[in-house]
Protein backbone atom coordinates (compact mmCIF):
# COMPACT_ATOMS: atom_id res chain seq x y z
CA UNK A 1 33.82 1.30 3.82
CA UNK A 2 34.25 -0.01 7.32
CA UNK A 3 34.31 3.58 8.63
CA UNK A 4 31.14 4.42 6.51
CA UNK A 5 29.11 1.69 7.98
CA UNK A 6 29.83 2.56 11.31
CA UNK A 7 28.31 5.84 11.09
CA UNK A 8 25.64 4.04 9.47
CA UNK A 9 24.98 1.90 11.76
CA UNK A 10 25.20 4.91 14.83
CA UNK A 11 22.81 6.77 12.96
CA UNK A 12 20.30 3.56 13.38
CA UNK A 13 21.02 3.50 16.92
CA UNK A 14 20.23 7.18 17.43
CA UNK A 15 17.47 7.89 14.97
CA UNK A 16 14.24 9.30 16.44
CA UNK A 17 12.56 7.96 13.10
CA UNK A 18 13.89 4.31 13.37
CA UNK A 19 12.96 3.86 17.58
CA UNK A 20 9.83 5.51 17.16
CA UNK A 21 8.94 3.72 14.04
CA UNK A 22 9.81 0.19 15.53
CA UNK A 23 7.60 1.12 18.77
CA UNK A 24 4.65 2.16 16.26
CA UNK A 25 5.59 -1.78 14.86
CA UNK A 26 5.34 -3.44 18.00
CA UNK A 27 2.59 -1.82 19.14
CA UNK A 28 0.80 -2.32 16.06
CA UNK A 29 1.35 -6.04 16.07
CA UNK A 30 0.54 -6.12 19.53
CA UNK A 31 -3.21 -4.61 18.91
CA UNK A 32 -3.28 -6.92 16.09
CA UNK A 33 -2.84 -9.92 18.40
CA UNK A 34 -5.48 -8.27 21.01
CA UNK A 35 -7.70 -8.38 18.34
CA UNK A 36 -7.36 -11.80 16.95
CA UNK A 37 -7.56 -12.82 20.42
CA UNK A 38 -10.97 -10.93 21.44
CA UNK A 39 -12.30 -12.13 17.80
CA UNK A 40 -11.37 -16.07 18.57
CA UNK A 41 -13.53 -15.64 22.15
CA UNK A 42 -16.55 -15.24 20.06
CA UNK A 43 -17.92 -18.19 19.32
CA UNK A 44 -18.94 -17.66 15.09
CA UNK A 45 -16.15 -15.61 14.92
CA UNK A 46 -13.47 -17.97 16.52
CA UNK A 47 -14.85 -20.55 14.11
CA UNK A 48 -14.32 -18.46 11.36
CA UNK A 49 -10.75 -17.58 12.63
CA UNK A 50 -9.87 -21.24 13.00
CA UNK A 51 -10.90 -21.63 8.94
CA UNK A 52 -8.66 -18.82 7.68
CA UNK A 53 -5.73 -20.62 9.00
CA UNK A 54 -5.22 -17.64 12.11
CA UNK A 55 -3.31 -19.88 14.41
CA UNK A 56 0.65 -18.88 14.92
CA UNK A 57 2.04 -20.74 12.16
CA UNK A 58 -0.56 -19.78 10.20
CA UNK A 59 0.62 -16.19 10.80
CA UNK A 60 4.13 -16.99 10.48
CA UNK A 61 3.55 -18.28 6.60
CA UNK A 62 1.24 -15.12 6.18
CA UNK A 63 3.79 -12.52 7.33
CA UNK A 64 6.45 -14.86 5.10
CA UNK A 65 4.69 -14.26 1.85
CA UNK A 66 3.07 -10.91 2.79
CA UNK A 67 5.79 -8.83 3.98
CA UNK A 68 4.09 -5.58 2.79
CA UNK A 69 3.94 -3.87 6.15
CA UNK A 70 7.44 -4.11 7.44
CA UNK A 71 8.83 -3.06 3.57
CA UNK A 72 6.45 -0.18 4.25
CA UNK A 73 7.68 0.88 7.63
CA UNK A 74 11.42 0.67 6.39
CA UNK A 75 10.99 2.77 3.49
CA UNK A 76 9.38 5.69 5.50
CA UNK A 77 12.61 5.62 7.93
CA UNK A 78 14.74 5.24 4.86
CA UNK A 79 13.22 7.96 3.66
CA UNK A 80 13.43 10.33 6.55
CA UNK A 81 17.33 9.08 7.31
CA UNK A 82 18.56 9.44 3.57
CA UNK A 83 16.75 12.34 2.56
CA UNK A 84 17.69 14.13 5.73
CA UNK A 85 21.32 13.07 4.54
CA UNK A 86 20.66 14.88 1.43
CA UNK A 87 18.78 18.10 3.43
CA UNK A 88 21.95 18.46 5.91
CA UNK A 89 24.84 17.68 2.85
CA UNK A 90 25.51 14.57 4.87
CA UNK A 91 26.79 13.39 1.55
CA UNK A 92 28.19 16.12 0.49
CA UNK A 93 30.63 16.08 3.74
CA UNK A 94 31.24 12.36 2.73
CA UNK A 95 32.52 12.73 -0.47
CA UNK A 96 34.59 16.05 0.41
CA UNK A 97 36.13 13.49 3.15
CA UNK A 98 37.18 11.43 0.14
CA UNK A 99 34.67 8.77 0.29
CA UNK A 100 33.43 7.52 -3.35
CA UNK A 101 29.60 7.52 -4.50
CA UNK A 102 29.62 4.10 -4.96
CA UNK A 103 31.05 3.59 -1.15
CA UNK A 104 28.19 5.99 0.08
CA UNK A 105 25.39 3.99 -2.23
CA UNK A 106 26.71 0.82 -0.62
CA UNK A 107 26.77 2.06 2.69
CA UNK A 108 23.35 2.78 2.72
CA UNK A 109 22.05 -0.72 1.09
CA UNK A 110 23.71 -2.25 3.95
CA UNK A 111 22.36 -0.02 6.47
CA UNK A 112 18.78 -0.33 4.90
CA UNK A 113 19.36 -4.10 4.95
CA UNK A 114 19.77 -4.03 8.39
CA UNK A 115 17.00 -1.89 9.25
CA UNK A 116 14.43 -3.86 7.03
CA UNK A 117 15.76 -7.09 9.14
CA UNK A 118 15.21 -5.81 12.49
CA UNK A 119 11.67 -4.56 11.21
CA UNK A 120 10.82 -8.11 9.97
CA UNK A 121 12.14 -9.93 12.54
CA UNK A 122 10.23 -7.94 15.16
CA UNK A 123 6.74 -8.00 13.30
CA UNK A 124 6.88 -11.57 12.87
CA UNK A 125 8.38 -12.71 16.11
CA UNK A 126 5.39 -10.31 17.83
CA UNK A 127 2.55 -11.54 15.89
CA UNK A 128 3.63 -15.12 15.32
CA UNK A 129 4.79 -15.47 19.35
CA UNK A 130 1.39 -13.77 20.60
CA UNK A 131 -1.09 -15.65 18.02
CA UNK A 132 0.90 -19.02 18.89
CA UNK A 133 0.61 -18.38 22.75
CA UNK A 134 -3.00 -16.94 22.98
CA UNK A 135 -4.54 -18.99 20.40
CA UNK A 136 -2.28 -21.88 19.74
CA UNK A 137 0.70 -22.52 17.15
CA UNK A 138 -1.77 -24.87 15.21
CA UNK A 139 0.52 -27.48 14.24
CA UNK A 140 2.97 -29.75 16.05
CA UNK A 141 6.50 -27.85 16.38
CA UNK A 142 9.18 -29.80 15.52
CA UNK A 143 12.75 -29.36 14.78
CA UNK A 144 12.16 -29.94 11.10
CA UNK A 145 9.33 -27.53 11.11
CA UNK A 146 11.79 -24.34 12.94
CA UNK A 147 14.46 -25.21 10.15
CA UNK A 148 11.94 -24.59 7.38
CA UNK A 149 10.64 -21.68 9.52
CA UNK A 150 14.09 -20.26 9.78
CA UNK A 151 14.37 -21.23 5.49
CA UNK A 152 11.56 -19.20 4.65
CA UNK A 153 12.05 -16.47 7.18
CA UNK A 154 15.60 -15.64 5.24
CA UNK A 155 14.12 -16.14 2.06
CA UNK A 156 11.39 -13.75 2.68
CA UNK A 157 14.10 -11.11 3.90
CA UNK A 158 16.12 -11.56 0.71
CA UNK A 159 13.01 -10.85 -1.51
CA UNK A 160 11.67 -8.09 0.41
CA UNK A 161 15.31 -6.26 0.27
CA UNK A 162 14.90 -7.28 -3.33
CA UNK A 163 11.84 -5.61 -3.57
CA UNK A 164 12.84 -2.24 -1.42
CA UNK A 165 15.62 -1.50 -3.86
CA UNK A 166 13.17 0.31 -6.02
CA UNK A 167 11.81 2.29 -3.11
CA UNK A 168 15.77 3.25 -2.32
CA UNK A 169 16.14 4.31 -6.13
CA UNK A 170 13.00 6.82 -5.40
CA UNK A 171 14.92 8.35 -2.69
CA UNK A 172 17.67 8.77 -4.43
CA UNK A 173 15.86 10.44 -6.94
CA UNK A 174 14.23 12.83 -5.40
CA UNK A 175 16.73 13.74 -2.73
CA UNK A 176 13.91 14.60 -0.15
CA UNK A 177 11.61 13.39 2.50
CA UNK A 178 8.67 14.62 1.22
CA UNK A 179 8.53 13.86 -1.91
CA UNK A 180 10.08 10.55 -1.42
CA UNK A 181 7.31 9.35 1.06
CA UNK A 182 4.75 10.94 -1.26
CA UNK A 183 6.06 8.40 -4.21
CA UNK A 184 6.77 5.44 -2.33
CA UNK A 185 3.69 5.01 -0.16
CA UNK A 186 1.02 5.52 -2.73
CA UNK A 187 3.00 2.94 -5.60
CA UNK A 188 3.53 0.51 -2.56
CA UNK A 189 0.08 0.65 -1.51
CA UNK A 190 -1.99 1.02 -4.56
CA UNK A 191 0.14 0.35 -7.25
CA UNK A 192 1.02 -3.18 -6.43
CA UNK A 193 -2.60 -3.77 -5.24
CA UNK A 194 -3.62 -2.66 -9.13
CA UNK A 195 -0.97 -4.81 -10.25
CA UNK A 196 -2.25 -7.89 -8.53
CA UNK A 197 -5.72 -7.59 -9.71
CA UNK A 198 -4.59 -7.33 -13.41
CA UNK A 199 -2.37 -10.27 -13.07
CA UNK A 200 -5.44 -12.53 -11.62
CA UNK A 201 -7.41 -11.23 -14.84
CA UNK A 202 -4.71 -11.82 -17.66
CA UNK A 203 -2.68 -15.29 -17.69
CA UNK A 204 -0.06 -13.73 -19.60
CA UNK A 205 0.24 -10.93 -17.14
CA UNK A 206 0.62 -13.75 -14.19
CA UNK A 207 3.17 -15.51 -16.00
CA UNK A 208 5.15 -12.22 -16.40
CA UNK A 209 4.63 -11.43 -12.51
CA UNK A 210 6.16 -14.80 -11.42
CA UNK A 211 9.53 -13.51 -12.77
CA UNK A 212 9.45 -10.62 -10.83
CA UNK A 213 9.83 -10.47 -6.70
CA UNK A 214 6.57 -9.55 -6.09
CA UNK A 215 5.52 -12.69 -8.20
CA UNK A 216 8.38 -14.89 -6.32
CA UNK A 217 7.05 -13.91 -2.65
CA UNK A 218 4.11 -16.61 -3.19
CA UNK A 219 6.50 -19.49 -3.08
CA UNK A 220 8.05 -18.76 -0.09
CA UNK A 221 6.98 -21.62 2.14
CA UNK A 222 6.44 -24.35 -0.45
CA UNK A 223 8.80 -26.74 0.38
CA UNK A 224 7.59 -29.01 -2.52
CA UNK A 225 9.82 -26.79 -4.50
CA UNK A 226 12.28 -28.09 -6.98
CA UNK A 227 16.17 -27.20 -7.40
CA UNK A 228 15.42 -25.35 -10.78
CA UNK A 229 12.27 -23.31 -8.47
CA UNK A 230 15.10 -22.13 -6.10
CA UNK A 231 17.67 -21.45 -8.79
CA UNK A 232 14.91 -18.85 -10.37
CA UNK A 233 13.36 -17.98 -6.97
CA UNK A 234 17.30 -16.40 -5.80
CA UNK A 235 17.95 -15.47 -9.74
CA UNK A 236 15.31 -12.95 -10.13
CA UNK A 237 16.06 -11.47 -6.39
CA UNK A 238 19.99 -11.40 -7.36
CA UNK A 239 19.40 -9.72 -10.80
CA UNK A 240 16.75 -7.05 -9.61
CA UNK A 241 19.14 -6.22 -6.39
CA UNK A 242 21.83 -6.00 -8.52
CA UNK A 243 20.23 -3.98 -11.45
CA UNK A 244 18.68 -1.66 -9.18
CA UNK A 245 22.21 -1.01 -7.19
CA UNK A 246 23.60 -0.28 -10.74
CA UNK A 247 20.67 2.21 -11.40
CA UNK A 248 20.74 3.84 -7.91
CA UNK A 249 24.88 4.27 -8.33
CA UNK A 250 24.47 5.90 -11.68
CA UNK A 251 21.39 8.28 -10.44
CA UNK A 252 23.56 9.24 -7.48
CA UNK A 253 26.71 10.00 -9.71
CA UNK A 254 24.78 12.43 -11.93
CA UNK A 255 22.84 13.82 -9.33
CA UNK A 256 23.80 17.43 -8.36
CA UNK A 257 24.44 18.01 -4.61
CA UNK A 258 23.77 21.49 -3.53
């Protein structure tokens, strides 16, 4: 298993898709910072940004509850890397070498968490740092606030990873780069938006939605949460990750590798 992980981490370091997408992520964040800075220097728009809470801390809080961009970029990289493994017969070679399909899936799940962590950190750091530098942090920065920000970031990574396991399953089902991206992107960008609109219109749907990883993203940063709320948060995320992992393993076990 350790050898598989070493191979995965080496692939991440050498992956052109990972490097290119990470550069795109950084450039996209810098452009967003520049746009906000320009808008902040226009009187009416600057006042509007203030009302919207566009400060370093405000942007950080937004990143914690809405990590779609980081998940999307990570998913694109995973579609390319895992889909490429199927096409290049890398997975078949690892099975022939004596690794079990469970070990192969677990190694991909661990490496996917690392990729997500890198993207989420870069995305959050550039946006929060850039906005704080040019517009202002928006509140007093204390050790207590820093601790709360760290907790929020870790909670966001955990729940984002929980969400991303669904897209991992899609990659293992379609076993190809094109179809995997073709399914995951519309599902992520359109499907979740439709669900959120429906949730806002239906109270029962809203209650059901709160028991999903997507619904739990919105509680991150609320430090008035009680112990039972944290238990609900981590239970939902853990159950979802375990369930998706089991389904991915079963799917990969039945997959025909040509």
